Amino acid sequence: MLLRSLVICCYLMGAYWASYHFPSLRMVFYPTLGAFSFLFMHRVDQIKDVGRITLGAIIAVTLGSVMYSISHGTLSFFLTAIITISLIQVLKWNAAPILSVSFIPFFAHTTSIWALPVAVLVSLLGLIIFVWLIAKVEQVPVISRWSEAFSQFLSKMMPTPTAIKKEL
């Protein structure tokens, strides 16, 4: 899990750096990307599920962009929320960040209707590539043994909940 965390954090750092230094890439990094990263990190072995969630995010942000382009008001925001929640339930996407990503157009105020869906697509595809690479690297025997040994070392160094209770 440490390797996954390090790789995901490096990806998030790179996305933030790119969005900070290049104004055209401003929307490649968004706070929900962190939530997607954490979600995908725990589903490394379920790449099909990750693909479904990514498709759901693209649909949701497109819906949000269309609704925002129609009206900037609260009714449009409400309709985006209710439609996205319905899609999540009906299509069993089971990922709360999908709802969050549908709201980005209401806070980013982009001029192009397709700018945000493309930014979300690019950032999530980059994330999927990193998740896929993590899965491949973790299959290397040396890496898996190192990771397991480090995890055991950390578990011995960290106090257990029962040890903390005894001290209190």
Protein backbone atom coordinates (compact mmCIF):
# COMPACT_ATOMS: atom_id res chain seq x y z
CA MET A 1 0.00 0.00 0.00
CA LEU A 2 2.97 2.32 0.61
CA LEU A 3 4.08 2.01 -3.00
CA ARG A 4 0.56 2.79 -4.21
CA SER A 5 0.38 5.82 -1.93
CA LEU A 6 3.73 7.16 -3.12
CA VAL A 7 2.89 6.74 -6.80
CA ILE A 8 -0.57 8.29 -6.42
CA CYS A 9 0.85 11.24 -4.46
CA CYS A 10 3.47 11.79 -7.15
CA TYR A 11 0.73 11.79 -9.79
CA LEU A 12 -1.32 14.32 -7.81
CA MET A 13 1.76 16.48 -7.29
CA GLY A 14 2.49 16.41 -11.03
CA ALA A 15 -1.09 17.30 -11.92
CA TYR A 16 -1.07 20.17 -9.45
CA TRP A 17 2.29 21.43 -10.69
CA ALA A 18 1.11 21.36 -14.32
CA SER A 19 -2.13 23.16 -13.51
CA TYR A 20 -0.29 25.78 -11.45
CA HIS A 21 2.40 26.56 -14.04
CA PHE A 22 0.37 26.31 -17.26
CA PRO A 23 -2.90 28.26 -17.29
CA SER A 24 -4.26 26.14 -20.14
CA LEU A 25 -4.02 23.09 -17.85
CA ARG A 26 -5.69 24.81 -14.90
CA MET A 27 -8.59 22.34 -14.75
CA VAL A 28 -6.46 19.20 -15.01
CA PHE A 29 -6.08 19.34 -11.25
CA TYR A 30 -9.19 19.54 -9.14
CA PRO A 31 -9.74 18.46 -5.52
CA THR A 32 -11.96 15.56 -6.54
CA LEU A 33 -8.97 14.05 -8.34
CA GLY A 34 -7.61 13.23 -4.89
CA ALA A 35 -10.81 11.36 -4.04
CA PHE A 36 -10.66 9.45 -7.32
CA SER A 37 -7.01 8.63 -6.62
CA PHE A 38 -7.81 7.17 -3.22
CA LEU A 39 -10.73 5.20 -4.67
CA PHE A 40 -8.69 3.84 -7.58
CA MET A 41 -5.74 3.04 -5.30
CA HIS A 42 -7.90 0.48 -3.52
CA ARG A 43 -9.24 -0.96 -6.78
CA VAL A 44 -5.97 -1.65 -8.58
CA ASP A 45 -7.08 -5.21 -9.34
CA GLN A 46 -10.52 -4.13 -10.57
CA ILE A 47 -9.59 -2.18 -13.70
CA LYS A 48 -13.02 -2.82 -15.26
CA ASP A 49 -14.68 -1.15 -12.27
CA VAL A 50 -12.23 1.75 -12.51
CA GLY A 51 -13.22 2.15 -16.17
CA ARG A 52 -16.91 2.26 -15.27
CA ILE A 53 -16.28 4.90 -12.62
CA THR A 54 -14.24 6.96 -15.10
CA LEU A 55 -17.03 6.76 -17.66
CA GLY A 56 -19.48 7.86 -14.96
CA ALA A 57 -17.28 10.83 -14.10
CA ILE A 58 -17.06 11.90 -17.74
CA ILE A 59 -20.84 11.64 -18.12
CA ALA A 60 -21.40 13.57 -14.87
CA VAL A 61 -19.04 16.43 -15.70
CA THR A 62 -20.52 16.67 -19.20
CA LEU A 63 -23.99 16.84 -17.68
CA GLY A 64 -22.80 19.55 -15.30
CA SER A 65 -21.22 21.52 -18.15
CA VAL A 66 -24.36 21.32 -20.26
CA MET A 67 -26.59 22.33 -17.35
CA TYR A 68 -24.26 25.22 -16.45
CA SER A 69 -24.22 26.43 -20.05
CA ILE A 70 -28.03 26.44 -20.07
CA SER A 71 -28.34 28.31 -16.79
CA HIS A 72 -25.94 29.41 -14.06
CA GLY A 73 -28.66 29.31 -11.40
CA THR A 74 -29.57 27.10 -8.49
CA LEU A 75 -32.25 25.19 -10.42
CA SER A 76 -29.63 24.03 -12.91
CA PHE A 77 -27.37 23.03 -10.01
CA PHE A 78 -30.23 21.11 -8.38
CA LEU A 79 -31.10 19.30 -11.62
CA THR A 80 -27.45 18.35 -12.10
CA ALA A 81 -27.36 16.92 -8.57
CA ILE A 82 -30.60 14.95 -8.85
CA ILE A 83 -29.82 13.55 -12.30
CA THR A 84 -26.28 12.58 -11.29
CA ILE A 85 -27.46 10.89 -8.09
CA SER A 86 -30.08 8.99 -10.10
CA LEU A 87 -27.47 7.86 -12.62
CA ILE A 88 -25.15 6.71 -9.82
CA GLN A 89 -27.95 4.65 -8.28
CA VAL A 90 -29.39 3.22 -11.50
CA LEU A 91 -26.05 2.37 -13.11
CA LYS A 92 -24.51 1.23 -9.78
CA TRP A 93 -21.37 3.31 -10.20
CA ASN A 94 -20.82 3.26 -6.41
CA ALA A 95 -18.42 6.20 -6.31
CA ALA A 96 -19.25 9.44 -4.51
CA PRO A 97 -16.59 11.51 -6.35
CA ILE A 98 -18.76 11.22 -9.46
CA LEU A 99 -21.30 13.54 -7.84
CA SER A 100 -18.55 15.97 -6.84
CA VAL A 101 -17.08 16.13 -10.33
CA SER A 102 -20.49 17.04 -11.78
CA PHE A 103 -20.41 20.27 -9.74
CA ILE A 104 -17.04 21.51 -11.05
CA PRO A 105 -18.57 23.58 -13.90
CA PHE A 106 -20.57 25.61 -11.39
CA PHE A 107 -17.38 26.68 -9.61
CA ALA A 108 -14.83 26.76 -12.45
CA HIS A 109 -16.84 29.05 -14.77
CA THR A 110 -15.22 27.90 -18.01
CA THR A 111 -16.13 29.51 -21.30
CA SER A 112 -16.13 26.31 -23.34
CA ILE A 113 -18.69 23.60 -22.69
CA TRP A 114 -16.15 20.87 -23.50
CA ALA A 115 -13.13 22.20 -21.57
CA LEU A 116 -14.01 20.50 -18.28
CA PRO A 117 -15.06 17.11 -19.68
CA VAL A 118 -11.81 16.96 -21.64
CA ALA A 119 -9.76 18.01 -18.59
CA VAL A 120 -11.46 15.37 -16.43
CA LEU A 121 -10.98 12.73 -19.13
CA VAL A 122 -7.28 13.51 -19.49
CA SER A 123 -6.63 13.58 -15.75
CA LEU A 124 -8.54 10.35 -15.07
CA LEU A 125 -6.90 8.55 -17.99
CA GLY A 126 -3.53 9.60 -16.59
CA LEU A 127 -4.62 8.28 -13.22
CA ILE A 128 -5.72 4.97 -14.78
CA ILE A 129 -2.32 4.62 -16.44
CA PHE A 130 -0.61 5.14 -13.07
CA VAL A 131 -2.96 2.63 -11.39
CA TRP A 132 -2.23 0.10 -14.14
CA LEU A 133 1.51 0.67 -13.70
CA ILE A 134 1.19 0.17 -9.95
CA ALA A 135 -0.51 -3.18 -10.56
CA LYS A 136 2.29 -4.27 -12.90
CA VAL A 137 5.09 -3.12 -10.58
CA GLU A 138 3.49 -4.85 -7.59
CA GLN A 139 3.63 -8.14 -9.52
CA VAL A 140 7.44 -8.01 -9.64
CA PRO A 141 8.57 -10.49 -6.94
CA VAL A 142 11.33 -8.28 -5.53
CA ILE A 143 9.01 -5.30 -5.16
CA SER A 144 6.24 -7.36 -3.55
CA ARG A 145 8.67 -8.87 -1.01
CA TRP A 146 10.14 -5.44 -0.21
CA SER A 147 6.67 -3.97 0.21
CA GLU A 148 5.54 -6.82 2.47
CA ALA A 149 8.68 -6.56 4.62
CA PHE A 150 8.28 -2.81 4.96
CA SER A 151 4.60 -3.21 5.91
CA GLN A 152 5.52 -5.74 8.60
CA PHE A 153 8.22 -3.40 9.89
CA LEU A 154 5.75 -0.52 10.11
CA SER A 155 3.15 -2.66 11.85
CA LYS A 156 5.71 -3.57 14.53
CA MET A 157 6.68 0.07 14.98
CA MET A 158 3.12 1.37 15.26
CA PRO A 159 1.27 0.82 18.53
CA THR A 160 -1.82 -1.34 18.32
CA PRO A 161 -5.19 -0.03 19.52
CA THR A 162 -5.13 -2.42 22.49
CA ALA A 163 -1.67 -1.16 23.52
CA ILE A 164 -2.95 2.40 23.40
CA LYS A 165 -5.96 1.44 25.57
CA LYS A 166 -3.68 -0.17 28.16
CA GLU A 167 -1.62 3.02 28.38
CA LEU A 168 -4.72 5.12 28.92
